[in-house]
C-alpha atoms as a PDB file:
ATOM      1  CA  UNK A   1     176.880 104.206  68.475  1.00  0.00           C
ATOM      2  CA  UNK A   2     179.917 101.975  68.082  1.00  0.00           C
ATOM      3  CA  UNK A   3     178.360  99.283  65.796  1.00  0.00           C
ATOM      4  CA  UNK A   4     181.446  98.954  63.471  1.00  0.00           C
ATOM      5  CA  UNK A   5     182.927  95.518  63.979  1.00  0.00           C
ATOM      6  CA  UNK A   6     186.600  95.421  64.894  1.00  0.00           C
ATOM      7  CA  UNK A   7     188.875  93.829  62.450  1.00  0.00           C
ATOM      8  CA  UNK A   8     190.056  90.263  63.187  1.00  0.00           C
ATOM      9  CA  UNK A   9     193.661  89.457  63.798  1.00  0.00           C
ATOM     10  CA  UNK A  10     194.947  87.744  60.690  1.00  0.00           C
ATOM     11  CA  UNK A  11     197.364  85.643  62.635  1.00  0.00           C
ATOM     12  CA  UNK A  12     194.542  84.204  64.679  1.00  0.00           C
ATOM     13  CA  UNK A  13     192.608  83.237  61.546  1.00  0.00           C
ATOM     14  CA  UNK A  14     195.706  81.623  60.068  1.00  0.00           C
ATOM     15  CA  UNK A  15     196.144  79.763  63.440  1.00  0.00           C
ATOM     16  CA  UNK A  16     192.548  78.509  63.345  1.00  0.00           C
ATOM     17  CA  UNK A  17     192.793  77.429  59.677  1.00  0.00           C
ATOM     18  CA  UNK A  18     195.874  75.427  60.528  1.00  0.00           C
ATOM     19  CA  UNK A  19     194.170  73.804  63.488  1.00  0.00           C
ATOM     20  CA  UNK A  20     190.969  72.827  61.298  1.00  0.00           C
ATOM     21  CA  UNK A  21     193.308  71.526  58.503  1.00  0.00           C
ATOM     22  CA  UNK A  22     195.233  69.407  61.126  1.00  0.00           C
ATOM     23  CA  UNK A  23     192.032  68.069  62.704  1.00  0.00           C
ATOM     24  CA  UNK A  24     190.652  67.124  59.168  1.00  0.00           C
ATOM     25  CA  UNK A  25     193.846  65.290  58.198  1.00  0.00           C
ATOM     26  CA  UNK A  26     193.901  63.460  61.564  1.00  0.00           C
ATOM     27  CA  UNK A  27     190.311  62.351  61.156  1.00  0.00           C
ATOM     28  CA  UNK A  28     190.968  61.057  57.551  1.00  0.00           C
ATOM     29  CA  UNK A  29     193.956  59.200  58.755  1.00  0.00           C
ATOM     30  CA  UNK A  30     192.037  57.614  61.517  1.00  0.00           C
ATOM     31  CA  UNK A  31     189.190  56.533  59.294  1.00  0.00           C
ATOM     32  CA  UNK A  32     191.768  55.060  56.813  1.00  0.00           C
ATOM     33  CA  UNK A  33     193.596  53.208  59.597  1.00  0.00           C
ATOM     34  CA  UNK A  34     190.302  51.755  60.854  1.00  0.00           C
ATOM     35  CA  UNK A  35     189.330  50.646  57.296  1.00  0.00           C
ATOM     36  CA  UNK A  36     192.728  48.945  56.796  1.00  0.00           C
ATOM     37  CA  UNK A  37     192.641  47.159  59.917  1.00  0.00           C
ATOM     38  CA  UNK A  38     189.150  45.809  59.337  1.00  0.00           C
ATOM     39  CA  UNK A  39     190.249  44.704  55.823  1.00  0.00           C
ATOM     40  CA  UNK A  40     193.442  42.933  57.340  1.00  0.00           C
ATOM     41  CA  UNK A  41     191.343  41.216  60.046  1.00  0.00           C
ATOM     42  CA  UNK A  42     188.752  39.807  57.588  1.00  0.00           C
ATOM     43  CA  UNK A  43     191.401  38.613  55.055  1.00  0.00           C
ATOM     44  CA  UNK A  44     192.924  36.259  57.605  1.00  0.00           C
ATOM     45  CA  UNK A  45     192.113  32.619  57.197  1.00  0.00           C
ATOM     46  CA  UNK A  46     190.227  31.039  60.054  1.00  0.00           C
ATOM     47  CA  UNK A  47     191.860  28.494  62.240  1.00  0.00           C
ATOM     48  CA  UNK A  48     192.289  25.007  60.862  1.00  0.00           C
ATOM     49  CA  UNK A  49     189.962  22.419  62.070  1.00  0.00           C
ATOM     50  CA  UNK A  50     191.899  19.942  64.244  1.00  0.00           C
ATOM     51  CA  UNK A  51     192.956  16.975  62.393  1.00  0.00           C
ATOM     52  CA  UNK A  52     192.890  14.718  65.433  1.00  0.00           C
ATOM     53  CA  UNK A  53     189.135  14.545  65.618  1.00  0.00           C
ATOM     54  CA  UNK A  54     186.989  12.148  63.726  1.00  0.00           C
ATOM     55  CA  UNK A  55     183.477  13.243  62.813  1.00  0.00           C
ATOM     56  CA  UNK A  56     180.701  10.831  62.104  1.00  0.00           C
ATOM     57  CA  UNK A  57     180.455   9.802  58.592  1.00  0.00           C
ATOM     58  CA  UNK A  58     178.490  12.085  56.323  1.00  0.00           C
ATOM     59  CA  UNK A  59     178.747  15.134  58.481  1.00  0.00           C
ATOM     60  CA  UNK A  60     180.382  18.468  57.348  1.00  0.00           C
ATOM     61  CA  UNK A  61     181.601  21.038  60.028  1.00  0.00           C
ATOM     62  CA  UNK A  62     180.092  24.504  59.646  1.00  0.00           C
ATOM     63  CA  UNK A  63     181.536  26.117  62.829  1.00  0.00           C
ATOM     64  CA  UNK A  64     184.115  25.257  65.341  1.00  0.00           C
ATOM     65  CA  UNK A  65     185.157  26.531  68.782  1.00  0.00           C
ATOM     66  CA  UNK A  66     187.318  25.419  71.566  1.00  0.00           C
ATOM     67  CA  UNK A  67     188.174  25.926  75.217  1.00  0.00           C
ATOM     68  CA  UNK A  68     190.952  24.447  77.359  1.00  0.00           C
ATOM     69  CA  UNK A  69     188.890  21.296  77.931  1.00  0.00           C
ATOM     70  CA  UNK A  70     186.809  20.642  74.871  1.00  0.00           C
ATOM     71  CA  UNK A  71     186.188  21.305  71.189  1.00  0.00           C
ATOM     72  CA  UNK A  72     182.705  22.100  69.778  1.00  0.00           C
ATOM     73  CA  UNK A  73     181.709  21.486  66.197  1.00  0.00           C
ATOM     74  CA  UNK A  74     178.557  22.598  64.735  1.00  0.00           C
ATOM     75  CA  UNK A  75     177.687  20.383  61.658  1.00  0.00           C
ATOM     76  CA  UNK A  76     175.601  21.078  58.673  1.00  0.00           C
ATOM     77  CA  UNK A  77     172.904  18.816  59.935  1.00  0.00           C
ATOM     78  CA  UNK A  78     172.251  21.050  62.967  1.00  0.00           C
ATOM     79  CA  UNK A  79     174.111  19.038  65.601  1.00  0.00           C
ATOM     80  CA  UNK A  80     176.635  20.336  68.062  1.00  0.00           C
ATOM     81  CA  UNK A  81     179.390  17.681  68.720  1.00  0.00           C
ATOM     82  CA  UNK A  82     181.440  18.146  71.817  1.00  0.00           C
ATOM     83  CA  UNK A  83     184.785  16.461  72.007  1.00  0.00           C
ATOM     84  CA  UNK A  84     187.206  16.065  74.983  1.00  0.00           C
ATOM     85  CA  UNK A  85     190.380  17.863  74.417  1.00  0.00           C
ATOM     86  CA  UNK A  86     192.345  15.202  76.428  1.00  0.00           C
ATOM     87  CA  UNK A  87     190.943  12.056  75.001  1.00  0.00           C
ATOM     88  CA  UNK A  88     189.830  13.339  71.504  1.00  0.00           C
ATOM     89  CA  UNK A  89     186.627  11.376  71.910  1.00  0.00           C
ATOM     90  CA  UNK A  90     182.990  12.484  71.391  1.00  0.00           C
ATOM     91  CA  UNK A  91     181.595  13.288  74.798  1.00  0.00           C
ATOM     92  CA  UNK A  92     178.179  14.768  73.981  1.00  0.00           C
ATOM     93  CA  UNK A  93     175.844  15.277  70.930  1.00  0.00           C
ATOM     94  CA  UNK A  94     173.282  17.884  70.933  1.00  0.00           C
ATOM     95  CA  UNK A  95     170.587  18.050  68.321  1.00  0.00           C
ATOM     96  CA  UNK A  96     169.523  21.646  67.515  1.00  0.00           C
ATOM     97  CA  UNK A  97     165.985  22.529  66.340  1.00  0.00           C
ATOM     98  CA  UNK A  98     165.928  23.908  62.699  1.00  0.00           C
ATOM     99  CA  UNK A  99     164.154  27.297  62.537  1.00  0.00           C
END
């Protein structure tokens, strides 16, 4: 008939309270850090379009990518223009289907 609960050690309870508080502060700091890094990343300006390329008249670039061998420009009229990085000349033009 020993149903009386034993008293908890107050030092253990204080230690657990400190651990929970430290964990909470660490998680808050982590979330704030991630949000700040995302904001900083999206505030950066995109890379400039290379000024050495000449697009066909009447086209406006919408997207741009590059590799060590070529540049690819997606235009507003659903074309992909591939330029040689060495010669800066148009190598291939791909017409995309509009959805």
